[in-house]
């Protein structure tokens, strides 16, 4: 990628973010559209997590990683501190792999 492309993309990103701040009070989005945007963002995040947790190079990764993600999600839902969430998820995955679960 050339420097011109990088600078163009950087300027475009900056201008889009600036437009959000400048136009915040000028553009009114209907409540129905806001709800759909929120639902779309949630669906995108769930799809990203599911893809990362269940597949690698297009194949199923085994049961250890999804179990770790599930334990981490449960801990986060229970409002456990973030560091402990990460340790629980990683520990679950590592423990299952140590037991021979792929």
N, C-alpha and C. Protein backbone atom coordinates (compact mmCIF):
# COMPACT_ATOMS: atom_id res chain seq x y z
N UNK A 1 0.85 -1.17 0.00
CA UNK A 1 0.00 0.00 0.00
C UNK A 1 0.90 1.24 0.00
N UNK A 2 0.52 2.20 -0.77
CA UNK A 2 1.34 3.41 -0.88
C UNK A 2 0.97 4.41 0.22
N UNK A 3 1.89 5.36 0.41
CA UNK A 3 1.63 6.39 1.42
C UNK A 3 0.41 7.23 1.06
N UNK A 4 0.20 7.45 -0.22
CA UNK A 4 -0.97 8.24 -0.62
C UNK A 4 -2.26 7.55 -0.20
N UNK A 5 -2.31 6.23 -0.36
CA UNK A 5 -3.51 5.49 0.03
C UNK A 5 -3.69 5.53 1.55
N UNK A 6 -2.60 5.37 2.30
CA UNK A 6 -2.69 5.41 3.75
C UNK A 6 -3.17 6.77 4.24
N UNK A 7 -2.60 7.83 3.67
CA UNK A 7 -3.01 9.18 4.07
C UNK A 7 -4.46 9.47 3.67
N UNK A 8 -4.88 8.99 2.51
CA UNK A 8 -6.26 9.18 2.08
C UNK A 8 -7.23 8.47 3.02
N UNK A 9 -6.92 7.23 3.37
CA UNK A 9 -7.78 6.49 4.30
C UNK A 9 -7.79 7.13 5.68
N UNK A 10 -6.65 7.62 6.14
CA UNK A 10 -6.59 8.30 7.44
C UNK A 10 -7.43 9.56 7.42
N UNK A 11 -7.34 10.35 6.36
CA UNK A 11 -8.13 11.58 6.26
C UNK A 11 -9.61 11.26 6.19
N UNK A 12 -9.97 10.24 5.43
CA UNK A 12 -11.38 9.85 5.33
C UNK A 12 -11.93 9.40 6.67
N UNK A 13 -11.16 8.63 7.42
CA UNK A 13 -11.59 8.18 8.74
C UNK A 13 -11.77 9.37 9.68
N UNK A 14 -10.82 10.27 9.66
CA UNK A 14 -10.91 11.46 10.51
C UNK A 14 -12.15 12.29 10.15
N UNK A 15 -12.40 12.49 8.86
CA UNK A 15 -13.54 13.31 8.44
C UNK A 15 -14.87 12.64 8.81
N UNK A 16 -14.95 11.32 8.71
CA UNK A 16 -16.18 10.64 9.12
C UNK A 16 -16.44 10.80 10.62
N UNK A 17 -15.39 10.68 11.41
CA UNK A 17 -15.54 10.87 12.86
C UNK A 17 -15.90 12.32 13.19
N UNK A 18 -15.29 13.25 12.49
CA UNK A 18 -15.59 14.66 12.71
C UNK A 18 -17.04 14.98 12.31
N UNK A 19 -17.50 14.37 11.24
CA UNK A 19 -18.89 14.59 10.79
C UNK A 19 -19.88 14.14 11.86
N UNK A 20 -19.57 13.05 12.55
CA UNK A 20 -20.45 12.59 13.62
C UNK A 20 -20.57 13.61 14.74
N UNK A 21 -19.46 14.23 15.10
CA UNK A 21 -19.47 15.23 16.17
C UNK A 21 -20.18 16.50 15.70
N UNK A 22 -19.88 16.94 14.49
CA UNK A 22 -20.44 18.20 13.99
C UNK A 22 -21.94 18.08 13.72
N UNK A 23 -22.36 16.96 13.18
CA UNK A 23 -23.76 16.80 12.79
C UNK A 23 -24.64 16.17 13.86
N UNK A 24 -24.11 15.93 15.03
CA UNK A 24 -24.87 15.25 16.08
C UNK A 24 -26.22 15.90 16.36
N UNK A 25 -26.25 17.21 16.47
CA UNK A 25 -27.49 17.91 16.81
C UNK A 25 -28.28 18.36 15.59
N UNK A 26 -27.74 18.19 14.40
CA UNK A 26 -28.42 18.64 13.18
C UNK A 26 -29.24 17.55 12.52
N UNK A 27 -28.81 16.33 12.65
CA UNK A 27 -29.48 15.22 11.98
C UNK A 27 -30.25 14.42 13.03
N UNK A 28 -31.54 14.25 12.77
CA UNK A 28 -32.35 13.46 13.69
C UNK A 28 -32.64 12.11 13.05
N UNK A 29 -32.30 11.07 13.77
CA UNK A 29 -32.55 9.71 13.30
C UNK A 29 -33.78 9.20 14.02
N UNK A 30 -34.74 8.65 13.29
CA UNK A 30 -35.94 8.13 13.95
C UNK A 30 -35.59 7.04 14.97
N UNK A 31 -36.39 6.95 16.01
CA UNK A 31 -36.15 5.99 17.08
C UNK A 31 -36.11 4.55 16.55
N UNK A 32 -36.94 4.28 15.57
CA UNK A 32 -36.98 2.93 14.97
C UNK A 32 -35.63 2.60 14.31
N UNK A 33 -35.05 3.57 13.61
CA UNK A 33 -33.76 3.35 12.95
C UNK A 33 -32.67 3.17 13.99
N UNK A 34 -32.71 3.95 15.07
CA UNK A 34 -31.73 3.81 16.14
C UNK A 34 -31.78 2.41 16.73
N UNK A 35 -32.96 1.88 16.90
CA UNK A 35 -33.11 0.53 17.46
C UNK A 35 -32.50 -0.50 16.51
N UNK A 36 -32.74 -0.35 15.22
CA UNK A 36 -32.16 -1.29 14.25
C UNK A 36 -30.63 -1.18 14.19
N UNK A 37 -30.10 0.00 14.34
CA UNK A 37 -28.65 0.18 14.36
C UNK A 37 -28.07 -0.52 15.58
N UNK A 38 -28.71 -0.36 16.74
CA UNK A 38 -28.25 -1.04 17.95
C UNK A 38 -28.31 -2.56 17.79
N UNK A 39 -29.40 -3.06 17.23
CA UNK A 39 -29.54 -4.50 17.02
C UNK A 39 -28.50 -5.01 16.01
N UNK A 40 -28.23 -4.22 14.98
CA UNK A 40 -27.24 -4.62 13.99
C UNK A 40 -25.85 -4.69 14.59
N UNK A 41 -25.51 -3.73 15.44
CA UNK A 41 -24.21 -3.75 16.09
C UNK A 41 -24.08 -4.96 17.01
N UNK A 42 -25.14 -5.28 17.72
CA UNK A 42 -25.12 -6.45 18.60
C UNK A 42 -24.97 -7.73 17.80
N UNK A 43 -25.70 -7.85 16.71
CA UNK A 43 -25.61 -9.05 15.87
C UNK A 43 -24.23 -9.20 15.27
N UNK A 44 -23.63 -8.10 14.86
CA UNK A 44 -22.28 -8.15 14.30
C UNK A 44 -21.26 -8.60 15.34
N UNK A 45 -21.39 -8.10 16.56
CA UNK A 45 -20.48 -8.50 17.63
C UNK A 45 -20.64 -9.98 17.97
N UNK A 46 -21.87 -10.46 18.04
CA UNK A 46 -22.12 -11.88 18.32
C UNK A 46 -21.54 -12.76 17.21
N UNK A 47 -21.72 -12.36 15.97
CA UNK A 47 -21.17 -13.13 14.85
C UNK A 47 -19.65 -13.16 14.89
N UNK A 48 -19.04 -12.05 15.24
CA UNK A 48 -17.58 -11.99 15.34
C UNK A 48 -17.07 -12.91 16.44
N UNK A 49 -17.71 -12.87 17.59
CA UNK A 49 -17.30 -13.73 18.71
C UNK A 49 -17.50 -15.19 18.36
N UNK A 50 -18.63 -15.53 17.76
CA UNK A 50 -18.90 -16.92 17.40
C UNK A 50 -17.89 -17.43 16.38
N UNK A 51 -17.57 -16.62 15.39
CA UNK A 51 -16.59 -17.04 14.38
C UNK A 51 -15.22 -17.23 15.00
N UNK A 52 -14.80 -16.31 15.85
CA UNK A 52 -13.49 -16.41 16.48
C UNK A 52 -13.42 -17.57 17.47
N UNK A 53 -14.53 -17.86 18.14
CA UNK A 53 -14.52 -18.90 19.16
C UNK A 53 -14.65 -20.30 18.57
N UNK A 54 -15.29 -20.43 17.43
CA UNK A 54 -15.61 -21.76 16.92
C UNK A 54 -14.78 -22.22 15.73
N UNK A 55 -14.16 -21.30 15.01
CA UNK A 55 -13.45 -21.70 13.79
C UNK A 55 -12.04 -21.15 13.75
N UNK A 56 -11.19 -21.86 13.02
CA UNK A 56 -9.85 -21.39 12.71
C UNK A 56 -9.49 -21.96 11.34
N UNK A 57 -9.20 -21.10 10.40
CA UNK A 57 -8.90 -21.50 9.02
C UNK A 57 -10.06 -22.28 8.41
N UNK A 58 -11.28 -21.92 8.79
CA UNK A 58 -12.47 -22.55 8.21
C UNK A 58 -12.87 -23.87 8.83
N UNK A 59 -12.14 -24.35 9.82
CA UNK A 59 -12.45 -25.62 10.46
C UNK A 59 -12.83 -25.40 11.91
N UNK A 60 -13.59 -26.36 12.46
CA UNK A 60 -13.98 -26.32 13.86
C UNK A 60 -12.73 -26.50 14.73
N UNK A 61 -12.59 -25.69 15.78
CA UNK A 61 -11.37 -25.70 16.59
C UNK A 61 -11.38 -26.73 17.70
N UNK A 62 -12.47 -27.38 17.94
CA UNK A 62 -12.56 -28.31 19.06
C UNK A 62 -13.39 -27.70 20.17
N UNK A 63 -13.46 -28.38 21.30
CA UNK A 63 -14.36 -27.95 22.37
C UNK A 63 -13.69 -27.09 23.43
N UNK A 64 -12.37 -27.07 23.51
CA UNK A 64 -11.70 -26.34 24.58
C UNK A 64 -11.90 -24.83 24.45
N UNK A 65 -11.70 -24.28 23.27
CA UNK A 65 -11.84 -22.83 23.09
C UNK A 65 -13.28 -22.35 23.31
N UNK A 66 -14.30 -23.00 22.71
CA UNK A 66 -15.67 -22.55 22.99
C UNK A 66 -16.04 -22.66 24.47
N UNK A 67 -15.52 -23.68 25.16
CA UNK A 67 -15.79 -23.80 26.60
C UNK A 67 -15.17 -22.63 27.36
N UNK A 68 -13.95 -22.26 27.00
CA UNK A 68 -13.31 -21.11 27.63
C UNK A 68 -14.06 -19.83 27.38
N UNK A 69 -14.53 -19.65 26.16
CA UNK A 69 -15.32 -18.45 25.84
C UNK A 69 -16.62 -18.45 26.64
N UNK A 70 -17.26 -19.60 26.76
CA UNK A 70 -18.51 -19.69 27.53
C UNK A 70 -18.28 -19.36 29.00
N UNK A 71 -17.20 -19.88 29.58
CA UNK A 71 -16.89 -19.57 30.98
C UNK A 71 -16.60 -18.08 31.13
N UNK A 72 -15.84 -17.52 30.20
CA UNK A 72 -15.56 -16.09 30.26
C UNK A 72 -16.82 -15.24 30.12
N UNK A 73 -17.71 -15.65 29.21
CA UNK A 73 -18.96 -14.91 29.03
C UNK A 73 -19.82 -14.98 30.29
N UNK A 74 -19.89 -16.15 30.90
CA UNK A 74 -20.66 -16.30 32.14
C UNK A 74 -20.08 -15.43 33.25
N UNK A 75 -18.76 -15.43 33.36
CA UNK A 75 -18.11 -14.60 34.39
C UNK A 75 -18.36 -13.11 34.13
N UNK A 76 -18.28 -12.71 32.87
CA UNK A 76 -18.53 -11.30 32.54
C UNK A 76 -19.98 -10.93 32.82
N UNK A 77 -20.89 -11.84 32.53
CA UNK A 77 -22.31 -11.60 32.79
C UNK A 77 -22.56 -11.45 34.30
N UNK A 78 -21.79 -12.19 35.10
CA UNK A 78 -21.91 -12.11 36.56
C UNK A 78 -21.14 -10.92 37.13
N UNK A 79 -20.57 -10.09 36.24
CA UNK A 79 -19.86 -8.86 36.60
C UNK A 79 -18.61 -9.11 37.43
N UNK A 80 -17.90 -10.18 37.06
CA UNK A 80 -16.61 -10.48 37.67
C UNK A 80 -15.59 -9.50 37.07
N UNK A 81 -14.59 -9.07 37.83
CA UNK A 81 -13.57 -8.16 37.27
C UNK A 81 -12.91 -8.74 36.02
N UNK A 82 -12.57 -7.86 35.08
CA UNK A 82 -12.10 -8.28 33.76
C UNK A 82 -10.89 -9.20 33.81
N UNK A 83 -9.94 -8.90 34.68
CA UNK A 83 -8.73 -9.72 34.77
C UNK A 83 -9.09 -11.15 35.15
N UNK A 84 -10.02 -11.30 36.07
CA UNK A 84 -10.45 -12.64 36.49
C UNK A 84 -11.21 -13.33 35.37
N UNK A 85 -12.00 -12.58 34.60
CA UNK A 85 -12.69 -13.16 33.45
C UNK A 85 -11.69 -13.77 32.49
N UNK A 86 -10.63 -13.03 32.17
CA UNK A 86 -9.60 -13.52 31.25
C UNK A 86 -8.90 -14.75 31.82
N UNK A 87 -8.56 -14.71 33.09
CA UNK A 87 -7.89 -15.84 33.73
C UNK A 87 -8.79 -17.07 33.74
N UNK A 88 -10.06 -16.90 34.05
CA UNK A 88 -11.00 -18.04 34.05
C UNK A 88 -11.14 -18.64 32.66
N UNK A 89 -11.29 -17.79 31.65
CA UNK A 89 -11.44 -18.30 30.28
C UNK A 89 -10.19 -19.01 29.81
N UNK A 90 -9.03 -18.41 30.03
CA UNK A 90 -7.77 -19.03 29.61
C UNK A 90 -7.51 -20.29 30.40
N UNK A 91 -7.80 -20.27 31.70
CA UNK A 91 -7.60 -21.45 32.53
C UNK A 91 -8.49 -22.61 32.13
N UNK A 92 -9.73 -22.30 31.78
CA UNK A 92 -10.64 -23.35 31.32
C UNK A 92 -10.13 -23.98 30.03
N UNK A 93 -9.74 -23.15 29.09
CA UNK A 93 -9.24 -23.66 27.82
C UNK A 93 -7.95 -24.48 28.03
N UNK A 94 -7.03 -23.94 28.81
CA UNK A 94 -5.77 -24.64 29.06
C UNK A 94 -6.00 -25.94 29.80
N UNK A 95 -6.90 -25.92 30.78
CA UNK A 95 -7.18 -27.13 31.53
C UNK A 95 -7.78 -28.23 30.67
N UNK A 96 -8.71 -27.84 29.81
CA UNK A 96 -9.32 -28.83 28.93
C UNK A 96 -8.30 -29.39 27.94
N UNK A 97 -7.43 -28.55 27.43
CA UNK A 97 -6.39 -29.02 26.51
C UNK A 97 -5.40 -29.93 27.22
N UNK A 98 -5.11 -29.62 28.49
CA UNK A 98 -4.21 -30.48 29.27
C UNK A 98 -4.83 -31.86 29.49
N UNK A 99 -6.15 -31.91 29.56
CA UNK A 99 -6.86 -33.18 29.73
C UNK A 99 -7.03 -33.93 28.40
N UNK A 100 -6.58 -33.32 27.32
CA UNK A 100 -6.64 -33.98 26.02
C UNK A 100 -7.85 -33.61 25.18
N UNK A 101 -8.64 -32.67 25.64
CA UNK A 101 -9.79 -32.22 24.84
C UNK A 101 -9.29 -31.25 23.79
N UNK A 102 -9.56 -31.50 22.51
CA UNK A 102 -9.04 -30.59 21.47
C UNK A 102 -9.70 -29.24 21.50
